[in-house]
């Protein structure tokens, strides 16, 4: 009887602490594999190629002279 009571208690607490579903704000499924509009899930046309890169930029802005200087790695 005691394990059953503990199990029911834990299930009730889990249900109360769960995040409620709000139908007015659907979940963000933009990057899901089943989203045909996400660019990583499909190529726009056959033979399309796009380089996926990540840059580290160190830039300096000089407002007085209207200059931008920096390095990319």
PDB file of N, CA and C in Angstrom:
ATOM      1  N   UNK A   1       0.824  -1.198   0.000  1.00  0.00           N
ATOM      2  CA  UNK A   1       0.000   0.000   0.000  1.00  0.00           C
ATOM      3  C   UNK A   1       0.866   1.258   0.000  1.00  0.00           C
ATOM      4  N   UNK A   2       1.961   1.218   0.754  1.00  0.00           N
ATOM      5  CA  UNK A   2       2.818   2.389   0.845  1.00  0.00           C
ATOM      6  C   UNK A   2       3.487   2.728  -0.500  1.00  0.00           C
ATOM      7  N   UNK A   3       4.013   1.750  -1.269  1.00  0.00           N
ATOM      8  CA  UNK A   3       4.598   2.093  -2.576  1.00  0.00           C
ATOM      9  C   UNK A   3       3.565   2.680  -3.543  1.00  0.00           C
ATOM     10  N   UNK A   4       2.338   2.189  -3.480  1.00  0.00           N
ATOM     11  CA  UNK A   4       1.294   2.721  -4.353  1.00  0.00           C
ATOM     12  C   UNK A   4       0.984   4.176  -3.996  1.00  0.00           C
ATOM     13  N   UNK A   5       0.929   4.478  -2.707  1.00  0.00           N
ATOM     14  CA  UNK A   5       0.676   5.852  -2.265  1.00  0.00           C
ATOM     15  C   UNK A   5       1.811   6.770  -2.707  1.00  0.00           C
ATOM     16  N   UNK A   6       3.045   6.302  -2.572  1.00  0.00           N
ATOM     17  CA  UNK A   6       4.202   7.093  -2.989  1.00  0.00           C
ATOM     18  C   UNK A   6       4.177   7.328  -4.501  1.00  0.00           C
ATOM     19  N   UNK A   7       3.851   6.306  -5.260  1.00  0.00           N
ATOM     20  CA  UNK A   7       3.773   6.438  -6.708  1.00  0.00           C
ATOM     21  C   UNK A   7       2.696   7.449  -7.112  1.00  0.00           C
ATOM     22  N   UNK A   8       1.532   7.371  -6.508  1.00  0.00           N
ATOM     23  CA  UNK A   8       0.460   8.314  -6.817  1.00  0.00           C
ATOM     24  C   UNK A   8       0.841   9.743  -6.432  1.00  0.00           C
ATOM     25  N   UNK A   9       1.526   9.890  -5.305  1.00  0.00           N
ATOM     26  CA  UNK A   9       1.978  11.211  -4.873  1.00  0.00           C
ATOM     27  C   UNK A   9       2.975  11.798  -5.874  1.00  0.00           C
ATOM     28  N   UNK A  10       3.939  11.001  -6.306  1.00  0.00           N
ATOM     29  CA  UNK A  10       4.935  11.489  -7.259  1.00  0.00           C
ATOM     30  C   UNK A  10       4.300  11.833  -8.607  1.00  0.00           C
ATOM     31  N   UNK A  11       3.326  11.055  -9.028  1.00  0.00           N
ATOM     32  CA  UNK A  11       2.638  11.357 -10.283  1.00  0.00           C
ATOM     33  C   UNK A  11       1.844  12.655 -10.167  1.00  0.00           C
ATOM     34  N   UNK A  12       1.212  12.883  -9.022  1.00  0.00           N
ATOM     35  CA  UNK A  12       0.442  14.107  -8.821  1.00  0.00           C
ATOM     36  C   UNK A  12       1.362  15.323  -8.803  1.00  0.00           C
ATOM     37  N   UNK A  13       2.503  15.215  -8.131  1.00  0.00           N
ATOM     38  CA  UNK A  13       3.449  16.328  -8.079  1.00  0.00           C
ATOM     39  C   UNK A  13       4.001  16.604  -9.472  1.00  0.00           C
ATOM     40  N   UNK A  14       4.334  15.557 -10.220  1.00  0.00           N
ATOM     41  CA  UNK A  14       4.834  15.743 -11.581  1.00  0.00           C
ATOM     42  C   UNK A  14       3.820  16.417 -12.479  1.00  0.00           C
ATOM     43  N   UNK A  15       2.561  16.076 -12.304  1.00  0.00           N
ATOM     44  CA  UNK A  15       1.505  16.693 -13.103  1.00  0.00           C
ATOM     45  C   UNK A  15       1.332  18.164 -12.737  1.00  0.00           C
ATOM     46  N   UNK A  16       1.425  18.486 -11.468  1.00  0.00           N
ATOM     47  CA  UNK A  16       1.254  19.870 -11.036  1.00  0.00           C
ATOM     48  C   UNK A  16       2.421  20.756 -11.458  1.00  0.00           C
ATOM     49  N   UNK A  17       3.626  20.183 -11.534  1.00  0.00           N
ATOM     50  CA  UNK A  17       4.803  20.968 -11.880  1.00  0.00           C
ATOM     51  C   UNK A  17       5.061  21.032 -13.381  1.00  0.00           C
ATOM     52  N   UNK A  18       4.326  20.294 -14.164  1.00  0.00           N
ATOM     53  CA  UNK A  18       4.523  20.293 -15.613  1.00  0.00           C
ATOM     54  C   UNK A  18       4.124  21.638 -16.201  1.00  0.00           C
ATOM     55  N   UNK A  19       4.790  22.014 -17.291  1.00  0.00           N
ATOM     56  CA  UNK A  19       4.454  23.265 -17.953  1.00  0.00           C
ATOM     57  C   UNK A  19       3.171  23.077 -18.748  1.00  0.00           C
ATOM     58  N   UNK A  20       2.224  23.972 -18.580  1.00  0.00           N
ATOM     59  CA  UNK A  20       0.959  23.827 -19.312  1.00  0.00           C
ATOM     60  C   UNK A  20       1.136  24.165 -20.791  1.00  0.00           C
ATOM     61  N   UNK A  21       0.365  23.526 -21.630  1.00  0.00           N
ATOM     62  CA  UNK A  21       0.380  23.810 -23.060  1.00  0.00           C
ATOM     63  C   UNK A  21      -0.546  24.983 -23.331  1.00  0.00           C
ATOM     64  N   UNK A  22      -0.039  25.970 -24.032  1.00  0.00           N
ATOM     65  CA  UNK A  22      -0.824  27.151 -24.382  1.00  0.00           C
ATOM     66  C   UNK A  22      -1.079  27.126 -25.887  1.00  0.00           C
ATOM     67  N   UNK A  23      -2.315  26.858 -26.323  1.00  0.00           N
ATOM     68  CA  UNK A  23      -2.573  26.768 -27.762  1.00  0.00           C
ATOM     69  C   UNK A  23      -2.439  28.095 -28.498  1.00  0.00           C
ATOM     70  N   UNK A  24      -2.431  29.214 -27.777  1.00  0.00           N
ATOM     71  CA  UNK A  24      -2.262  30.505 -28.445  1.00  0.00           C
ATOM     72  C   UNK A  24      -0.801  30.786 -28.764  1.00  0.00           C
ATOM     73  N   UNK A  25       0.115  30.072 -28.134  1.00  0.00           N
ATOM     74  CA  UNK A  25       1.546  30.216 -28.408  1.00  0.00           C
ATOM     75  C   UNK A  25       2.104  28.847 -28.763  1.00  0.00           C
ATOM     76  N   UNK A  26       2.096  28.473 -30.033  1.00  0.00           N
ATOM     77  CA  UNK A  26       2.595  27.154 -30.408  1.00  0.00           C
ATOM     78  C   UNK A  26       4.098  27.051 -30.157  1.00  0.00           C
ATOM     79  N   UNK A  27       4.608  25.850 -29.988  1.00  0.00           N
ATOM     80  CA  UNK A  27       6.038  25.682 -29.733  1.00  0.00           C
ATOM     81  C   UNK A  27       6.867  26.102 -30.947  1.00  0.00           C
ATOM     82  N   UNK A  28       8.096  26.490 -30.696  1.00  0.00           N
ATOM     83  CA  UNK A  28       8.991  26.909 -31.768  1.00  0.00           C
ATOM     84  C   UNK A  28       9.535  25.665 -32.464  1.00  0.00           C
ATOM     85  N   UNK A  29       9.008  25.367 -33.631  1.00  0.00           N
ATOM     86  CA  UNK A  29       9.436  24.190 -34.386  1.00  0.00           C
ATOM     87  C   UNK A  29      10.191  24.590 -35.643  1.00  0.00           C
ATOM     88  N   UNK A  30      10.753  25.780 -35.665  1.00  0.00           N
ATOM     89  CA  UNK A  30      11.417  26.273 -36.867  1.00  0.00           C
ATOM     90  C   UNK A  30      12.574  25.376 -37.284  1.00  0.00           C
ATOM     91  N   UNK A  31      13.392  24.930 -36.340  1.00  0.00           N
ATOM     92  CA  UNK A  31      14.574  24.136 -36.676  1.00  0.00           C
ATOM     93  C   UNK A  31      14.332  22.631 -36.647  1.00  0.00           C
ATOM     94  N   UNK A  32      13.100  22.203 -36.488  1.00  0.00           N
ATOM     95  CA  UNK A  32      12.810  20.770 -36.476  1.00  0.00           C
ATOM     96  C   UNK A  32      13.086  20.152 -37.838  1.00  0.00           C
ATOM     97  N   UNK A  33      13.391  18.867 -37.820  1.00  0.00           N
ATOM     98  CA  UNK A  33      13.703  18.160 -39.061  1.00  0.00           C
ATOM     99  C   UNK A  33      12.502  18.052 -39.987  1.00  0.00           C
ATOM    100  N   UNK A  34      11.300  18.122 -39.451  1.00  0.00           N
ATOM    101  CA  UNK A  34      10.117  17.990 -40.300  1.00  0.00           C
ATOM    102  C   UNK A  34       9.586  19.332 -40.811  1.00  0.00           C
ATOM    103  N   UNK A  35      10.301  20.423 -40.584  1.00  0.00           N
ATOM    104  CA  UNK A  35       9.887  21.731 -41.089  1.00  0.00           C
ATOM    105  C   UNK A  35      10.477  21.925 -42.488  1.00  0.00           C
ATOM    106  N   UNK A  36       9.653  21.930 -43.535  1.00  0.00           N
ATOM    107  CA  UNK A  36      10.198  22.050 -44.894  1.00  0.00           C
ATOM    108  C   UNK A  36      10.713  23.450 -45.224  1.00  0.00           C
ATOM    109  N   UNK A  37      10.404  24.448 -44.401  1.00  0.00           N
ATOM    110  CA  UNK A  37      10.824  25.816 -44.690  1.00  0.00           C
ATOM    111  C   UNK A  37      12.171  26.174 -44.062  1.00  0.00           C
ATOM    112  N   UNK A  38      12.733  25.308 -43.226  1.00  0.00           N
ATOM    113  CA  UNK A  38      14.033  25.587 -42.602  1.00  0.00           C
ATOM    114  C   UNK A  38      15.124  25.286 -43.619  1.00  0.00           C
ATOM    115  N   UNK A  39      16.040  26.205 -43.829  1.00  0.00           N
ATOM    116  CA  UNK A  39      16.997  26.098 -44.929  1.00  0.00           C
ATOM    117  C   UNK A  39      17.935  24.914 -44.791  1.00  0.00           C
ATOM    118  N   UNK A  40      18.218  24.447 -43.595  1.00  0.00           N
ATOM    119  CA  UNK A  40      19.121  23.302 -43.452  1.00  0.00           C
ATOM    120  C   UNK A  40      18.442  21.983 -43.799  1.00  0.00           C
ATOM    121  N   UNK A  41      17.128  21.979 -43.929  1.00  0.00           N
ATOM    122  CA  UNK A  41      16.414  20.742 -44.225  1.00  0.00           C
ATOM    123  C   UNK A  41      16.271  20.472 -45.716  1.00  0.00           C
ATOM    124  N   UNK A  42      16.578  21.439 -46.554  1.00  0.00           N
ATOM    125  CA  UNK A  42      16.388  21.223 -47.990  1.00  0.00           C
ATOM    126  C   UNK A  42      17.253  22.209 -48.772  1.00  0.00           C
ATOM    127  N   UNK A  43      17.568  21.821 -49.959  1.00  0.00           N
ATOM    128  CA  UNK A  43      18.233  22.741 -50.882  1.00  0.00           C
ATOM    129  C   UNK A  43      17.163  23.416 -51.741  1.00  0.00           C
ATOM    130  N   UNK A  44      17.318  24.701 -52.111  1.00  0.00           N
ATOM    131  CA  UNK A  44      16.295  25.388 -52.883  1.00  0.00           C
ATOM    132  C   UNK A  44      16.101  24.803 -54.282  1.00  0.00           C
ATOM    133  N   UNK A  45      17.167  24.266 -54.865  1.00  0.00           N
ATOM    134  CA  UNK A  45      17.065  23.653 -56.190  1.00  0.00           C
ATOM    135  C   UNK A  45      18.195  22.638 -56.329  1.00  0.00           C
ATOM    136  N   UNK A  46      18.103  21.705 -57.255  1.00  0.00           N
ATOM    137  CA  UNK A  46      19.165  20.708 -57.431  1.00  0.00           C
ATOM    138  C   UNK A  46      20.485  21.386 -57.801  1.00  0.00           C
ATOM    139  N   UNK A  47      21.560  20.921 -57.213  1.00  0.00           N
ATOM    140  CA  UNK A  47      22.867  21.494 -57.482  1.00  0.00           C
ATOM    141  C   UNK A  47      23.199  22.698 -56.623  1.00  0.00           C
ATOM    142  N   UNK A  48      22.304  23.088 -55.733  1.00  0.00           N
ATOM    143  CA  UNK A  48      22.545  24.237 -54.860  1.00  0.00           C
ATOM    144  C   UNK A  48      23.611  23.883 -53.836  1.00  0.00           C
ATOM    145  N   UNK A  49      24.501  24.812 -53.571  1.00  0.00           N
ATOM    146  CA  UNK A  49      25.554  24.594 -52.591  1.00  0.00           C
ATOM    147  C   UNK A  49      25.683  25.851 -51.752  1.00  0.00           C
ATOM    148  N   UNK A  50      25.778  25.675 -50.450  1.00  0.00           N
ATOM    149  CA  UNK A  50      25.952  26.812 -49.557  1.00  0.00           C
ATOM    150  C   UNK A  50      26.970  26.433 -48.503  1.00  0.00           C
ATOM    151  N   UNK A  51      27.906  27.322 -48.269  1.00  0.00           N
ATOM    152  CA  UNK A  51      28.928  27.083 -47.267  1.00  0.00           C
ATOM    153  C   UNK A  51      28.402  27.545 -45.911  1.00  0.00           C
ATOM    154  N   UNK A  52      28.450  26.666 -44.926  1.00  0.00           N
ATOM    155  CA  UNK A  52      28.014  26.990 -43.571  1.00  0.00           C
ATOM    156  C   UNK A  52      29.268  27.285 -42.756  1.00  0.00           C
ATOM    157  N   UNK A  53      29.533  28.547 -42.471  1.00  0.00           N
ATOM    158  CA  UNK A  53      30.776  28.944 -41.812  1.00  0.00           C
ATOM    159  C   UNK A  53      30.474  29.728 -40.541  1.00  0.00           C
ATOM    160  N   UNK A  54      31.469  29.800 -39.700  1.00  0.00           N
ATOM    161  CA  UNK A  54      31.389  30.574 -38.464  1.00  0.00           C
ATOM    162  C   UNK A  54      32.668  31.405 -38.372  1.00  0.00           C
ATOM    163  N   UNK A  55      32.523  32.699 -38.241  1.00  0.00           N
ATOM    164  CA  UNK A  55      33.653  33.603 -38.187  1.00  0.00           C
ATOM    165  C   UNK A  55      33.811  34.165 -36.780  1.00  0.00           C
ATOM    166  N   UNK A  56      35.046  34.458 -36.424  1.00  0.00           N
ATOM    167  CA  UNK A  56      35.349  35.179 -35.199  1.00  0.00           C
ATOM    168  C   UNK A  56      35.908  36.530 -35.630  1.00  0.00           C
ATOM    169  N   UNK A  57      35.174  37.594 -35.369  1.00  0.00           N
ATOM    170  CA  UNK A  57      35.563  38.931 -35.801  1.00  0.00           C
ATOM    171  C   UNK A  57      35.963  39.777 -34.601  1.00  0.00           C
ATOM    172  N   UNK A  58      37.068  40.495 -34.773  1.00  0.00           N
ATOM    173  CA  UNK A  58      37.487  41.489 -33.785  1.00  0.00           C
ATOM    174  C   UNK A  58      37.469  42.829 -34.513  1.00  0.00           C
ATOM    175  N   UNK A  59      36.504  43.668 -34.171  1.00  0.00           N
ATOM    176  CA  UNK A  59      36.320  44.926 -34.899  1.00  0.00           C
ATOM    177  C   UNK A  59      36.465  46.115 -33.966  1.00  0.00           C
ATOM    178  N   UNK A  60      36.943  47.213 -34.544  1.00  0.00           N
ATOM    179  CA  UNK A  60      37.055  48.476 -33.821  1.00  0.00           C
ATOM    180  C   UNK A  60      36.302  49.537 -34.625  1.00  0.00           C
ATOM    181  N   UNK A  61      35.460  50.295 -33.946  1.00  0.00           N
ATOM    182  CA  UNK A  61      34.683  51.354 -34.591  1.00  0.00           C
ATOM    183  C   UNK A  61      35.216  52.710 -34.151  1.00  0.00           C
ATOM    184  N   UNK A  62      35.446  53.574 -35.114  1.00  0.00           N
ATOM    185  CA  UNK A  62      35.892  54.938 -34.834  1.00  0.00           C
ATOM    186  C   UNK A  62      34.799  55.879 -35.327  1.00  0.00           C
ATOM    187  N   UNK A  63      33.971  56.354 -34.386  1.00  0.00           N
ATOM    188  CA  UNK A  63      32.853  57.222 -34.752  1.00  0.00           C
ATOM    189  C   UNK A  63      33.324  58.589 -35.242  1.00  0.00           C
ATOM    190  N   UNK A  64      34.425  59.063 -34.710  1.00  0.00           N
ATOM    191  CA  UNK A  64      34.904  60.388 -35.099  1.00  0.00           C
ATOM    192  C   UNK A  64      35.347  60.404 -36.560  1.00  0.00           C
ATOM    193  N   UNK A  65      35.998  59.351 -37.013  1.00  0.00           N
ATOM    194  CA  UNK A  65      36.508  59.280 -38.385  1.00  0.00           C
ATOM    195  C   UNK A  65      35.623  58.444 -39.308  1.00  0.00           C
ATOM    196  N   UNK A  66      34.529  57.851 -38.779  1.00  0.00           N
ATOM    197  CA  UNK A  66      33.654  56.955 -39.545  1.00  0.00           C
ATOM    198  C   UNK A  66      34.444  55.801 -40.160  1.00  0.00           C
ATOM    199  N   UNK A  67      35.233  55.125 -39.317  1.00  0.00           N
ATOM    200  CA  UNK A  67      36.059  54.009 -39.779  1.00  0.00           C
ATOM    201  C   UNK A  67      35.687  52.735 -39.036  1.00  0.00           C
ATOM    202  N   UNK A  68      35.814  51.623 -39.756  1.00  0.00           N
ATOM    203  CA  UNK A  68      35.675  50.298 -39.164  1.00  0.00           C
ATOM    204  C   UNK A  68      36.950  49.543 -39.487  1.00  0.00           C
ATOM    205  N   UNK A  69      37.603  49.002 -38.466  1.00  0.00           N
ATOM    206  CA  UNK A  69      38.825  48.224 -38.668  1.00  0.00           C
ATOM    207  C   UNK A  69      38.710  46.944 -37.865  1.00  0.00           C
ATOM    208  N   UNK A  70      39.372  45.900 -38.335  1.00  0.00           N
ATOM    209  CA  UNK A  70      39.306  44.653 -37.591  1.00  0.00           C
ATOM    210  C   UNK A  70      39.993  43.513 -38.293  1.00  0.00           C
ATOM    211  N   UNK A  71      39.948  42.348 -37.633  1.00  0.00           N
ATOM    212  CA  UNK A  71      40.530  41.126 -38.161  1.00  0.00           C
ATOM    213  C   UNK A  71      39.491  40.025 -38.083  1.00  0.00           C
ATOM    214  N   UNK A  72      39.588  39.092 -39.012  1.00  0.00           N
ATOM    215  CA  UNK A  72      38.704  37.922 -39.019  1.00  0.00           C
ATOM    216  C   UNK A  72      39.551  36.666 -38.927  1.00  0.00           C
ATOM    217  N   UNK A  73      39.100  35.716 -38.119  1.00  0.00           N
ATOM    218  CA  UNK A  73      39.800  34.430 -38.015  1.00  0.00           C
ATOM    219  C   UNK A  73      38.831  33.307 -38.244  1.00  0.00           C
TER     220      UNK A  73
END
